[in-house]
Amino acid sequence: AQYLAEDGFDVKYNKGFAYPGYKTGDVLADIKANVEKPFFTLGGLQQEKTNIGTAINDADVISLSVGANDVLKYIQRSATGEISFDAMGVIQEVQVIAQNVQAIFNEIRVKNSDADIIVMGYYNPFPYLDASYQAQLKVLVTTLDNTVSKIVEANGGIYVKVAEDIAANYSTYLPNPQNIHLSAAGYKAVAMKMHKAYSEKITAD
């Protein structure tokens, strides 16, 4: 939103429908229930509220980052630091994610057929784990990227892969081995890439 404002667009931004820990099913349920939440703008929380249906209907650009929480339950770390990886559970969950993302697009398009939808790709949240786990994690991220990107692009959305960008500088973008979330620098790098992809789309149009 900041980058678009700097480009000269009149930006009205709201991230009030983003919620920590949400899975694809939660996003879909919120849209179907037409939940109401306060505006959360670049300036912070506002008193004004809106429902998600109105927000979608009024939007020119919708960004979506969801799906990682769906599969994290299949990657468990014990008190001694050992990791268990339920590969079959992950494979099955990826199909659920795919179905939910398609349903999310369907619900959005009913309310707004014209908005550009930008979807953030996935990254390895455990780069500090032993090398023996990294092959499985790479397969997981690649599978998610490939599966969800096909759905997004088939529905006219913009899918932005970020795995390689984060992996190239994970000590900066994921500096805390105990925290799977990106640092401010990491979020900035992702935002810049998403902005670039959207700018290229606008130029092409």
N, C-alpha and C. Protein backbone atom coordinates (compact mmCIF):
# COMPACT_ATOMS: atom_id res chain seq x y z
N ALA A 1 0.83 -1.21 0.00
CA ALA A 1 0.00 0.00 0.00
C ALA A 1 0.86 1.26 0.00
N GLN A 2 1.94 1.22 0.77
CA GLN A 2 2.84 2.38 0.80
C GLN A 2 3.49 2.60 -0.57
N TYR A 3 3.92 1.53 -1.20
CA TYR A 3 4.56 1.67 -2.51
C TYR A 3 3.58 2.19 -3.55
N LEU A 4 2.34 1.72 -3.51
CA LEU A 4 1.34 2.19 -4.46
C LEU A 4 1.04 3.67 -4.24
N ALA A 5 1.00 4.08 -2.98
CA ALA A 5 0.79 5.50 -2.67
C ALA A 5 1.94 6.34 -3.21
N GLU A 6 3.16 5.80 -3.06
CA GLU A 6 4.33 6.51 -3.58
C GLU A 6 4.30 6.60 -5.11
N ASP A 7 3.63 5.65 -5.74
CA ASP A 7 3.49 5.67 -7.20
C ASP A 7 2.44 6.68 -7.66
N GLY A 8 1.75 7.29 -6.70
CA GLY A 8 0.76 8.31 -7.06
C GLY A 8 -0.68 7.86 -7.01
N PHE A 9 -0.91 6.62 -6.57
CA PHE A 9 -2.29 6.14 -6.47
C PHE A 9 -2.95 6.67 -5.20
N ASP A 10 -4.25 6.91 -5.26
CA ASP A 10 -5.02 7.32 -4.09
C ASP A 10 -5.42 6.04 -3.35
N VAL A 11 -4.67 5.70 -2.30
CA VAL A 11 -4.81 4.40 -1.66
C VAL A 11 -5.67 4.48 -0.41
N LYS A 12 -6.70 3.64 -0.37
CA LYS A 12 -7.46 3.41 0.85
C LYS A 12 -7.21 1.95 1.23
N TYR A 13 -6.45 1.76 2.29
CA TYR A 13 -5.93 0.43 2.64
C TYR A 13 -6.58 -0.10 3.90
N ASN A 14 -6.88 -1.40 3.89
CA ASN A 14 -7.46 -2.02 5.08
C ASN A 14 -6.95 -3.45 5.20
N LYS A 15 -6.29 -3.74 6.33
CA LYS A 15 -5.88 -5.13 6.57
C LYS A 15 -6.61 -5.70 7.78
N GLY A 16 -7.79 -5.16 8.03
CA GLY A 16 -8.57 -5.59 9.19
C GLY A 16 -9.06 -7.02 9.13
N PHE A 17 -9.05 -7.63 7.94
CA PHE A 17 -9.54 -9.01 7.82
C PHE A 17 -8.41 -10.03 7.90
N ALA A 18 -7.18 -9.55 8.04
CA ALA A 18 -6.04 -10.46 8.24
C ALA A 18 -5.97 -10.82 9.71
N TYR A 19 -5.73 -12.10 10.00
CA TYR A 19 -5.75 -12.55 11.39
C TYR A 19 -4.68 -13.59 11.62
N PRO A 20 -3.83 -13.42 12.64
CA PRO A 20 -2.76 -14.39 12.92
C PRO A 20 -3.31 -15.80 13.15
N GLY A 21 -2.67 -16.77 12.54
CA GLY A 21 -3.06 -18.16 12.74
C GLY A 21 -4.15 -18.65 11.80
N TYR A 22 -4.69 -17.76 10.97
CA TYR A 22 -5.77 -18.18 10.08
C TYR A 22 -5.30 -19.22 9.07
N LYS A 23 -6.20 -20.14 8.76
CA LYS A 23 -6.00 -21.13 7.71
C LYS A 23 -6.92 -20.78 6.54
N THR A 24 -6.74 -21.49 5.44
CA THR A 24 -7.56 -21.19 4.26
C THR A 24 -9.05 -21.35 4.57
N GLY A 25 -9.39 -22.34 5.38
CA GLY A 25 -10.79 -22.53 5.75
C GLY A 25 -11.36 -21.39 6.55
N ASP A 26 -10.52 -20.73 7.36
CA ASP A 26 -10.97 -19.58 8.15
C ASP A 26 -11.27 -18.38 7.25
N VAL A 27 -10.39 -18.16 6.28
CA VAL A 27 -10.63 -17.05 5.34
C VAL A 27 -11.91 -17.28 4.56
N LEU A 28 -12.09 -18.51 4.08
CA LEU A 28 -13.30 -18.85 3.33
C LEU A 28 -14.54 -18.68 4.19
N ALA A 29 -14.48 -19.13 5.44
CA ALA A 29 -15.63 -19.02 6.34
C ALA A 29 -15.98 -17.56 6.61
N ASP A 30 -14.97 -16.71 6.79
CA ASP A 30 -15.22 -15.28 7.02
C ASP A 30 -15.94 -14.64 5.85
N ILE A 31 -15.51 -15.00 4.63
CA ILE A 31 -16.15 -14.43 3.44
C ILE A 31 -17.60 -14.89 3.35
N LYS A 32 -17.81 -16.17 3.58
CA LYS A 32 -19.18 -16.70 3.50
C LYS A 32 -20.08 -16.11 4.57
N ALA A 33 -19.51 -15.85 5.76
CA ALA A 33 -20.30 -15.29 6.87
C ALA A 33 -20.41 -13.78 6.79
N ASN A 34 -19.68 -13.17 5.85
CA ASN A 34 -19.67 -11.72 5.68
C ASN A 34 -19.37 -11.01 7.01
N VAL A 35 -18.26 -11.41 7.64
CA VAL A 35 -17.91 -10.88 8.96
C VAL A 35 -17.63 -9.38 8.90
N GLU A 36 -17.84 -8.73 10.02
CA GLU A 36 -17.57 -7.30 10.14
C GLU A 36 -16.40 -7.09 11.10
N LYS A 37 -15.44 -6.27 10.67
CA LYS A 37 -14.28 -5.96 11.51
C LYS A 37 -13.88 -4.50 11.33
N PRO A 38 -13.14 -3.95 12.30
CA PRO A 38 -12.69 -2.56 12.18
C PRO A 38 -11.66 -2.41 11.07
N PHE A 39 -11.63 -1.22 10.48
CA PHE A 39 -10.57 -0.88 9.54
C PHE A 39 -9.23 -0.90 10.26
N PHE A 40 -8.21 -1.43 9.62
CA PHE A 40 -6.86 -1.38 10.14
C PHE A 40 -5.99 -0.82 9.02
N THR A 41 -5.79 0.50 9.02
CA THR A 41 -5.14 1.19 7.94
C THR A 41 -3.64 1.30 8.18
N LEU A 42 -2.95 1.97 7.27
CA LEU A 42 -1.52 2.22 7.46
C LEU A 42 -1.27 3.03 8.73
N GLY A 43 -2.27 3.80 9.12
CA GLY A 43 -2.12 4.62 10.32
C GLY A 43 -2.52 3.92 11.60
N GLY A 44 -3.02 2.70 11.50
CA GLY A 44 -3.41 1.95 12.69
C GLY A 44 -4.91 1.66 12.73
N LEU A 45 -5.36 1.13 13.84
CA LEU A 45 -6.75 0.72 14.02
C LEU A 45 -7.68 1.93 14.02
N GLN A 46 -8.78 1.81 13.28
CA GLN A 46 -9.77 2.88 13.20
C GLN A 46 -11.07 2.43 13.87
N GLN A 47 -11.89 3.38 14.25
CA GLN A 47 -13.18 3.06 14.87
C GLN A 47 -14.19 2.55 13.85
N GLU A 48 -14.05 3.03 12.63
CA GLU A 48 -14.99 2.64 11.58
C GLU A 48 -14.90 1.14 11.30
N LYS A 49 -16.03 0.52 11.04
CA LYS A 49 -16.06 -0.90 10.72
C LYS A 49 -16.65 -1.12 9.33
N THR A 50 -16.34 -2.28 8.76
CA THR A 50 -16.95 -2.67 7.49
C THR A 50 -17.05 -4.18 7.45
N ASN A 51 -17.94 -4.69 6.64
CA ASN A 51 -18.02 -6.14 6.48
C ASN A 51 -17.17 -6.55 5.28
N ILE A 52 -16.78 -7.81 5.26
CA ILE A 52 -15.83 -8.27 4.26
C ILE A 52 -16.43 -8.25 2.85
N GLY A 53 -17.74 -8.44 2.75
CA GLY A 53 -18.37 -8.39 1.43
C GLY A 53 -18.27 -7.02 0.81
N THR A 54 -18.51 -5.99 1.62
CA THR A 54 -18.40 -4.61 1.13
C THR A 54 -16.96 -4.30 0.77
N ALA A 55 -16.03 -4.74 1.62
CA ALA A 55 -14.61 -4.49 1.37
C ALA A 55 -14.17 -5.12 0.05
N ILE A 56 -14.60 -6.35 -0.20
CA ILE A 56 -14.25 -7.02 -1.45
C ILE A 56 -14.89 -6.29 -2.63
N ASN A 57 -16.15 -5.94 -2.49
CA ASN A 57 -16.86 -5.27 -3.58
C ASN A 57 -16.22 -3.94 -3.96
N ASP A 58 -15.69 -3.22 -2.97
CA ASP A 58 -15.12 -1.89 -3.22
C ASP A 58 -13.65 -1.93 -3.64
N ALA A 59 -13.02 -3.09 -3.54
CA ALA A 59 -11.56 -3.16 -3.73
C ALA A 59 -11.15 -3.12 -5.19
N ASP A 60 -10.02 -2.48 -5.45
CA ASP A 60 -9.35 -2.56 -6.75
C ASP A 60 -8.26 -3.62 -6.71
N VAL A 61 -7.66 -3.80 -5.53
CA VAL A 61 -6.58 -4.77 -5.35
C VAL A 61 -6.82 -5.54 -4.06
N ILE A 62 -6.71 -6.85 -4.11
CA ILE A 62 -6.86 -7.69 -2.92
C ILE A 62 -5.59 -8.55 -2.81
N SER A 63 -4.96 -8.50 -1.65
CA SER A 63 -3.79 -9.35 -1.43
C SER A 63 -4.17 -10.48 -0.47
N LEU A 64 -3.58 -11.64 -0.73
CA LEU A 64 -3.91 -12.83 0.05
C LEU A 64 -2.63 -13.58 0.41
N SER A 65 -2.48 -13.88 1.68
CA SER A 65 -1.35 -14.68 2.15
C SER A 65 -1.90 -15.70 3.13
N VAL A 66 -2.07 -16.92 2.68
CA VAL A 66 -2.69 -17.94 3.52
C VAL A 66 -2.30 -19.33 3.03
N GLY A 67 -2.31 -20.30 3.94
CA GLY A 67 -2.04 -21.68 3.57
C GLY A 67 -0.93 -22.31 4.38
N ALA A 68 0.04 -21.49 4.81
CA ALA A 68 1.15 -22.05 5.58
C ALA A 68 0.67 -22.65 6.89
N ASN A 69 -0.25 -21.98 7.56
CA ASN A 69 -0.74 -22.49 8.85
C ASN A 69 -1.47 -23.82 8.70
N ASP A 70 -2.03 -24.05 7.51
CA ASP A 70 -2.74 -25.31 7.28
C ASP A 70 -1.81 -26.51 7.43
N VAL A 71 -0.56 -26.37 6.96
CA VAL A 71 0.35 -27.53 6.95
C VAL A 71 1.29 -27.57 8.15
N LEU A 72 1.40 -26.48 8.88
CA LEU A 72 2.34 -26.46 10.00
C LEU A 72 2.01 -27.49 11.08
N LYS A 73 0.73 -27.86 11.18
CA LYS A 73 0.34 -28.84 12.20
C LYS A 73 0.94 -30.22 11.91
N TYR A 74 1.41 -30.42 10.69
CA TYR A 74 2.02 -31.71 10.34
C TYR A 74 3.53 -31.71 10.54
N ILE A 75 4.06 -30.58 11.02
CA ILE A 75 5.49 -30.49 11.33
C ILE A 75 5.60 -30.17 12.81
N GLN A 76 6.01 -31.12 13.60
CA GLN A 76 6.04 -30.98 15.05
C GLN A 76 7.47 -31.03 15.57
N ARG A 77 7.76 -30.15 16.54
CA ARG A 77 9.06 -30.15 17.19
C ARG A 77 8.90 -30.60 18.63
N SER A 78 9.65 -31.61 19.05
CA SER A 78 9.56 -32.12 20.41
C SER A 78 10.34 -31.22 21.36
N ALA A 79 10.19 -31.48 22.68
CA ALA A 79 10.89 -30.68 23.69
C ALA A 79 12.41 -30.80 23.55
N THR A 80 12.87 -31.90 22.96
CA THR A 80 14.31 -32.11 22.78
C THR A 80 14.82 -31.60 21.44
N GLY A 81 13.89 -31.02 20.65
CA GLY A 81 14.30 -30.45 19.38
C GLY A 81 14.14 -31.35 18.18
N GLU A 82 13.67 -32.58 18.40
CA GLU A 82 13.46 -33.50 17.29
C GLU A 82 12.24 -33.07 16.47
N ILE A 83 12.33 -33.25 15.16
CA ILE A 83 11.25 -32.85 14.26
C ILE A 83 10.56 -34.09 13.70
N SER A 84 9.22 -34.07 13.73
CA SER A 84 8.45 -35.12 13.07
C SER A 84 7.71 -34.48 11.90
N PHE A 85 7.73 -35.17 10.77
CA PHE A 85 7.18 -34.63 9.53
C PHE A 85 6.22 -35.65 8.95
N ASP A 86 4.92 -35.33 9.00
CA ASP A 86 3.89 -36.24 8.49
C ASP A 86 3.69 -35.96 7.01
N ALA A 87 4.47 -36.64 6.18
CA ALA A 87 4.44 -36.37 4.73
C ALA A 87 3.07 -36.66 4.13
N MET A 88 2.43 -37.75 4.53
CA MET A 88 1.12 -38.09 3.98
C MET A 88 0.07 -37.06 4.39
N GLY A 89 0.16 -36.61 5.64
CA GLY A 89 -0.76 -35.58 6.09
C GLY A 89 -0.60 -34.30 5.30
N VAL A 90 0.65 -33.93 5.01
CA VAL A 90 0.92 -32.73 4.23
C VAL A 90 0.33 -32.85 2.84
N ILE A 91 0.55 -33.99 2.19
CA ILE A 91 0.04 -34.19 0.83
C ILE A 91 -1.47 -34.04 0.79
N GLN A 92 -2.14 -34.64 1.77
CA GLN A 92 -3.60 -34.54 1.82
C GLN A 92 -4.05 -33.12 2.11
N GLU A 93 -3.31 -32.43 2.98
CA GLU A 93 -3.69 -31.06 3.34
C GLU A 93 -3.49 -30.10 2.17
N VAL A 94 -2.48 -30.34 1.36
CA VAL A 94 -2.26 -29.48 0.19
C VAL A 94 -3.48 -29.51 -0.73
N GLN A 95 -4.11 -30.66 -0.85
CA GLN A 95 -5.32 -30.76 -1.68
C GLN A 95 -6.47 -29.97 -1.07
N VAL A 96 -6.56 -29.97 0.26
CA VAL A 96 -7.58 -29.18 0.94
C VAL A 96 -7.32 -27.69 0.72
N ILE A 97 -6.05 -27.30 0.83
CA ILE A 97 -5.67 -25.91 0.58
C ILE A 97 -6.08 -25.50 -0.83
N ALA A 98 -5.80 -26.37 -1.80
CA ALA A 98 -6.13 -26.07 -3.20
C ALA A 98 -7.64 -25.85 -3.36
N GLN A 99 -8.42 -26.72 -2.76
CA GLN A 99 -9.88 -26.59 -2.86
C GLN A 99 -10.36 -25.29 -2.21
N ASN A 100 -9.78 -24.96 -1.06
CA ASN A 100 -10.19 -23.75 -0.35
C ASN A 100 -9.78 -22.49 -1.10
N VAL A 101 -8.59 -22.49 -1.67
CA VAL A 101 -8.15 -21.31 -2.44
C VAL A 101 -9.06 -21.10 -3.65
N GLN A 102 -9.41 -22.19 -4.32
CA GLN A 102 -10.34 -22.08 -5.44
C GLN A 102 -11.69 -21.52 -4.96
N ALA A 103 -12.17 -22.00 -3.84
CA ALA A 103 -13.44 -21.53 -3.29
C ALA A 103 -13.36 -20.06 -2.89
N ILE A 104 -12.21 -19.64 -2.34
CA ILE A 104 -12.01 -18.23 -1.98
C ILE A 104 -12.09 -17.36 -3.23
N PHE A 105 -11.44 -17.78 -4.29
CA PHE A 105 -11.51 -17.04 -5.55
C PHE A 105 -12.94 -16.98 -6.06
N ASN A 106 -13.65 -18.10 -5.98
CA ASN A 106 -15.04 -18.12 -6.44
C ASN A 106 -15.89 -17.11 -5.67
N GLU A 107 -15.73 -17.09 -4.34
CA GLU A 107 -16.50 -16.17 -3.51
C GLU A 107 -16.14 -14.72 -3.82
N ILE A 108 -14.85 -14.45 -4.01
CA ILE A 108 -14.43 -13.07 -4.33
C ILE A 108 -15.01 -12.64 -5.67
N ARG A 109 -14.95 -13.52 -6.66
CA ARG A 109 -15.40 -13.14 -8.00
C ARG A 109 -16.91 -12.92 -8.07
N VAL A 110 -17.66 -13.56 -7.21
CA VAL A 110 -19.09 -13.29 -7.16
C VAL A 110 -19.34 -11.84 -6.74
N LYS A 111 -18.51 -11.35 -5.83
CA LYS A 111 -18.67 -10.00 -5.30
C LYS A 111 -17.93 -8.95 -6.12
N ASN A 112 -16.86 -9.35 -6.78
CA ASN A 112 -16.04 -8.39 -7.51
C ASN A 112 -15.30 -9.13 -8.63
N SER A 113 -15.73 -8.92 -9.84
CA SER A 113 -15.13 -9.65 -10.98
C SER A 113 -13.90 -8.94 -11.53
N ASP A 114 -13.65 -7.72 -11.08
CA ASP A 114 -12.60 -6.91 -11.69
C ASP A 114 -11.35 -6.71 -10.84
N ALA A 115 -11.43 -6.90 -9.55
CA ALA A 115 -10.28 -6.61 -8.68
C ALA A 115 -9.09 -7.50 -9.02
N ASP A 116 -7.91 -6.92 -8.96
CA ASP A 116 -6.69 -7.70 -9.10
C ASP A 116 -6.42 -8.41 -7.77
N ILE A 117 -6.13 -9.70 -7.83
CA ILE A 117 -5.88 -10.49 -6.62
C ILE A 117 -4.42 -10.96 -6.65
N ILE A 118 -3.65 -10.53 -5.67
CA ILE A 118 -2.23 -10.87 -5.58
C ILE A 118 -2.05 -11.85 -4.43
N VAL A 119 -1.44 -12.98 -4.71
CA VAL A 119 -1.27 -14.02 -3.69
C VAL A 119 0.21 -14.22 -3.41
N MET A 120 0.58 -14.13 -2.14
CA MET A 120 1.97 -14.35 -1.73
C MET A 120 2.27 -15.84 -1.68
N GLY A 121 3.42 -16.21 -2.24
CA GLY A 121 3.86 -17.60 -2.20
C GLY A 121 4.40 -18.00 -0.84
N TYR A 122 4.98 -19.18 -0.76
CA TYR A 122 5.41 -19.76 0.50
C TYR A 122 6.94 -19.78 0.61
N TYR A 123 7.43 -19.92 1.83
CA TYR A 123 8.87 -20.01 2.05
C TYR A 123 9.14 -21.04 3.14
N ASN A 124 10.38 -21.48 3.23
CA ASN A 124 10.79 -22.43 4.25
C ASN A 124 10.90 -21.71 5.59
N PRO A 125 10.03 -22.01 6.55
CA PRO A 125 10.07 -21.31 7.84
C PRO A 125 11.08 -21.89 8.82
N PHE A 126 11.76 -22.97 8.41
CA PHE A 126 12.70 -23.65 9.31
C PHE A 126 14.10 -23.78 8.68
N PRO A 127 14.69 -22.69 8.24
CA PRO A 127 15.99 -22.81 7.57
C PRO A 127 17.14 -23.22 8.49
N TYR A 128 16.92 -23.12 9.81
CA TYR A 128 17.99 -23.43 10.75
C TYR A 128 18.02 -24.90 11.16
N LEU A 129 17.03 -25.66 10.73
CA LEU A 129 17.01 -27.08 11.08
C LEU A 129 18.14 -27.82 10.38
N ASP A 130 18.45 -28.98 10.91
CA ASP A 130 19.51 -29.80 10.34
C ASP A 130 19.25 -30.08 8.86
N ALA A 131 20.33 -30.24 8.12
CA ALA A 131 20.24 -30.46 6.67
C ALA A 131 19.38 -31.67 6.32
N SER A 132 19.28 -32.63 7.23
CA SER A 132 18.51 -33.84 6.96
C SER A 132 17.02 -33.53 6.76
N TYR A 133 16.56 -32.40 7.28
CA TYR A 133 15.15 -32.02 7.13
C TYR A 133 14.92 -31.13 5.91
N GLN A 134 15.96 -30.53 5.37
CA GLN A 134 15.79 -29.49 4.37
C GLN A 134 15.21 -30.00 3.05
N ALA A 135 15.54 -31.23 2.67
CA ALA A 135 15.01 -31.77 1.43
C ALA A 135 13.49 -31.88 1.50
N GLN A 136 12.97 -32.37 2.65
CA GLN A 136 11.52 -32.49 2.82
C GLN A 136 10.85 -31.12 2.83
N LEU A 137 11.48 -30.18 3.49
CA LEU A 137 10.92 -28.84 3.55
C LEU A 137 10.89 -28.19 2.18
N LYS A 138 11.93 -28.42 1.40
CA LYS A 138 11.96 -27.87 0.04
C LYS A 138 10.85 -28.46 -0.80
N VAL A 139 10.63 -29.76 -0.67
CA VAL A 139 9.54 -30.41 -1.42
C VAL A 139 8.20 -29.83 -0.99
N LEU A 140 8.02 -29.61 0.31
CA LEU A 140 6.78 -29.05 0.82
C LEU A 140 6.51 -27.68 0.21
N VAL A 141 7.50 -26.78 0.27
CA VAL A 141 7.33 -25.43 -0.25
C VAL A 141 7.07 -25.45 -1.75
N THR A 142 7.83 -26.28 -2.46
CA THR A 142 7.66 -26.36 -3.92
C THR A 142 6.28 -26.89 -4.28
N THR A 143 5.82 -27.90 -3.54
CA THR A 143 4.50 -28.46 -3.80
C THR A 143 3.40 -27.44 -3.57
N LEU A 144 3.51 -26.71 -2.46
CA LEU A 144 2.53 -25.66 -2.19
C LEU A 144 2.55 -24.60 -3.28
N ASP A 145 3.75 -24.13 -3.62
CA ASP A 145 3.88 -23.11 -4.67
C ASP A 145 3.26 -23.57 -5.98
N ASN A 146 3.63 -24.76 -6.41
CA ASN A 146 3.14 -25.24 -7.70
C ASN A 146 1.64 -25.46 -7.72
N THR A 147 1.11 -26.02 -6.63
CA THR A 147 -0.32 -26.31 -6.56
C THR A 147 -1.15 -25.04 -6.52
N VAL A 148 -0.80 -24.14 -5.61
CA VAL A 148 -1.61 -22.93 -5.44
C VAL A 148 -1.41 -21.95 -6.59
N SER A 149 -0.20 -21.85 -7.12
CA SER A 149 0.04 -20.91 -8.23
C SER A 149 -0.81 -21.27 -9.44
N LYS A 150 -0.98 -22.56 -9.72
CA LYS A 150 -1.81 -22.97 -10.86
C LYS A 150 -3.25 -22.50 -10.69
N ILE A 151 -3.76 -22.60 -9.47
CA ILE A 151 -5.14 -22.17 -9.22
C ILE A 151 -5.25 -20.66 -9.34
N VAL A 152 -4.31 -19.96 -8.74
CA VAL A 152 -4.34 -18.49 -8.77
C VAL A 152 -4.28 -17.99 -10.21
N GLU A 153 -3.34 -18.49 -10.97
CA GLU A 153 -3.16 -18.01 -12.33
C GLU A 153 -4.31 -18.43 -13.24
N ALA A 154 -4.90 -19.61 -12.99
CA ALA A 154 -6.05 -20.05 -13.78
C ALA A 154 -7.26 -19.16 -13.54
N ASN A 155 -7.26 -18.49 -12.38
CA ASN A 155 -8.38 -17.60 -12.04
C ASN A 155 -8.03 -16.13 -12.26
N GLY A 156 -6.95 -15.88 -13.01
CA GLY A 156 -6.60 -14.51 -13.35
C GLY A 156 -5.89 -13.75 -12.26
N GLY A 157 -5.42 -14.44 -11.21
CA GLY A 157 -4.70 -13.77 -10.13
C GLY A 157 -3.21 -13.68 -10.42
N ILE A 158 -2.50 -12.99 -9.54
CA ILE A 158 -1.05 -12.82 -9.65
C ILE A 158 -0.42 -13.59 -8.50
N TYR A 159 0.39 -14.59 -8.83
CA TYR A 159 1.05 -15.39 -7.79
C TYR A 159 2.51 -14.98 -7.73
N VAL A 160 2.98 -14.65 -6.53
CA VAL A 160 4.34 -14.15 -6.35
C VAL A 160 5.13 -15.14 -5.52
N LYS A 161 6.06 -15.84 -6.16
CA LYS A 161 6.90 -16.80 -5.44
C LYS A 161 8.01 -16.05 -4.69
N VAL A 162 8.22 -16.43 -3.43
CA VAL A 162 9.20 -15.73 -2.59
C VAL A 162 10.21 -16.67 -1.94
N ALA A 163 10.08 -17.97 -2.15
CA ALA A 163 10.92 -18.95 -1.45
C ALA A 163 12.41 -18.70 -1.69
N GLU A 164 12.80 -18.49 -2.93
CA GLU A 164 14.21 -18.30 -3.23
C GLU A 164 14.73 -16.99 -2.65
N ASP A 165 13.90 -15.96 -2.66
CA ASP A 165 14.32 -14.67 -2.12
C ASP A 165 14.62 -14.78 -0.62
N ILE A 166 13.73 -15.47 0.11
CA ILE A 166 13.92 -15.62 1.55
C ILE A 166 15.11 -16.52 1.83
N ALA A 167 15.23 -17.61 1.10
CA ALA A 167 16.32 -18.56 1.32
C ALA A 167 17.68 -17.93 1.06
N ALA A 168 17.73 -16.99 0.13
CA ALA A 168 19.01 -16.37 -0.25
C ALA A 168 19.59 -15.51 0.87
N ASN A 169 18.73 -15.09 1.82
CA ASN A 169 19.21 -14.23 2.91
C ASN A 169 18.41 -14.50 4.18
N TYR A 170 18.31 -15.77 4.53
CA TYR A 170 17.43 -16.12 5.65
C TYR A 170 17.94 -15.61 7.00
N SER A 171 19.24 -15.37 7.11
CA SER A 171 19.76 -14.85 8.38
C SER A 171 19.24 -13.44 8.66
N THR A 172 18.89 -12.72 7.60
CA THR A 172 18.31 -11.37 7.74
C THR A 172 16.79 -11.43 7.77
N TYR A 173 16.23 -12.26 6.90
CA TYR A 173 14.77 -12.30 6.76
C TYR A 173 14.09 -13.19 7.79
N LEU A 174 14.81 -14.17 8.33
CA LEU A 174 14.31 -15.04 9.41
C LEU A 174 15.40 -15.15 10.48
N PRO A 175 15.69 -14.05 11.16
CA PRO A 175 16.85 -14.02 12.05
C PRO A 175 16.71 -14.83 13.33
N ASN A 176 15.47 -15.09 13.74
CA ASN A 176 15.23 -15.81 14.99
C ASN A 176 14.86 -17.26 14.70
N PRO A 177 15.71 -18.23 15.03
CA PRO A 177 15.42 -19.64 14.75
C PRO A 177 14.14 -20.13 15.40
N GLN A 178 13.67 -19.44 16.44
CA GLN A 178 12.45 -19.84 17.14
C GLN A 178 11.20 -19.17 16.59
N ASN A 179 11.36 -18.32 15.58
CA ASN A 179 10.23 -17.56 15.04
C ASN A 179 10.11 -17.82 13.55
N ILE A 180 8.99 -18.38 13.13
CA ILE A 180 8.81 -18.72 11.72
C ILE A 180 8.36 -17.53 10.88
N HIS A 181 8.08 -16.40 11.53
CA HIS A 181 7.60 -15.23 10.80
C HIS A 181 8.77 -14.36 10.33
N LEU A 182 8.57 -13.68 9.23
CA LEU A 182 9.62 -12.84 8.66
C LEU A 182 9.90 -11.63 9.53
N SER A 183 11.12 -11.15 9.43
CA SER A 183 11.50 -9.89 10.08
C SER A 183 10.91 -8.73 9.26
N ALA A 184 11.06 -7.52 9.76
CA ALA A 184 10.61 -6.34 9.02
C ALA A 184 11.30 -6.29 7.66
N ALA A 185 12.59 -6.63 7.63
CA ALA A 185 13.33 -6.64 6.37
C ALA A 185 12.77 -7.70 5.42
N GLY A 186 12.36 -8.83 5.99
CA GLY A 186 11.78 -9.90 5.18
C GLY A 186 10.46 -9.50 4.57
N TYR A 187 9.61 -8.88 5.39
CA TYR A 187 8.31 -8.43 4.87
C TYR A 187 8.49 -7.35 3.81
N LYS A 188 9.50 -6.50 4.00
CA LYS A 188 9.77 -5.46 3.01
C LYS A 188 10.20 -6.08 1.69
N ALA A 189 11.06 -7.09 1.76
CA ALA A 189 11.52 -7.76 0.54
C ALA A 189 10.35 -8.39 -0.21
N VAL A 190 9.43 -9.02 0.54
CA VAL A 190 8.26 -9.63 -0.07
C VAL A 190 7.35 -8.56 -0.66
N ALA A 191 7.14 -7.49 0.09
CA ALA A 191 6.28 -6.40 -0.39
C ALA A 191 6.83 -5.80 -1.68
N MET A 192 8.14 -5.62 -1.74
CA MET A 192 8.76 -5.07 -2.94
C MET A 192 8.54 -5.98 -4.14
N LYS A 193 8.65 -7.29 -3.91
CA LYS A 193 8.46 -8.22 -5.02
C LYS A 193 7.00 -8.25 -5.47
N MET A 194 6.08 -8.19 -4.52
CA MET A 194 4.66 -8.15 -4.88
C MET A 194 4.32 -6.85 -5.62
N HIS A 195 4.90 -5.75 -5.16
CA HIS A 195 4.68 -4.47 -5.83
C HIS A 195 5.22 -4.51 -7.25
N LYS A 196 6.38 -5.10 -7.43
CA LYS A 196 6.98 -5.21 -8.77
C LYS A 196 6.09 -6.03 -9.70
N ALA A 197 5.57 -7.15 -9.18
CA ALA A 197 4.71 -8.01 -9.99
C ALA A 197 3.43 -7.27 -10.38
N TYR A 198 2.89 -6.50 -9.44
CA TYR A 198 1.66 -5.77 -9.75
C TYR A 198 1.93 -4.63 -10.72
N SER A 199 3.05 -3.95 -10.55
CA SER A 199 3.41 -2.87 -11.47
C SER A 199 3.57 -3.39 -12.89
N GLU A 200 4.19 -4.56 -13.02
CA GLU A 200 4.36 -5.17 -14.34
C GLU A 200 3.01 -5.54 -14.94
N LYS A 201 2.09 -5.98 -14.10
CA LYS A 201 0.75 -6.32 -14.58
C LYS A 201 0.02 -5.08 -15.08
N ILE A 202 0.12 -3.98 -14.32
CA ILE A 202 -0.54 -2.74 -14.73
C ILE A 202 0.04 -2.25 -16.04
N THR A 203 1.36 -2.31 -16.17
CA THR A 203 2.02 -1.86 -17.39
C THR A 203 1.59 -2.70 -18.59
N ALA A 204 1.51 -4.01 -18.37
CA ALA A 204 1.10 -4.92 -19.46
C ALA A 204 -0.33 -4.65 -19.90
N ASP A 205 -1.18 -4.29 -18.94
CA ASP A 205 -2.59 -4.00 -19.28
C ASP A 205 -2.72 -2.69 -20.04
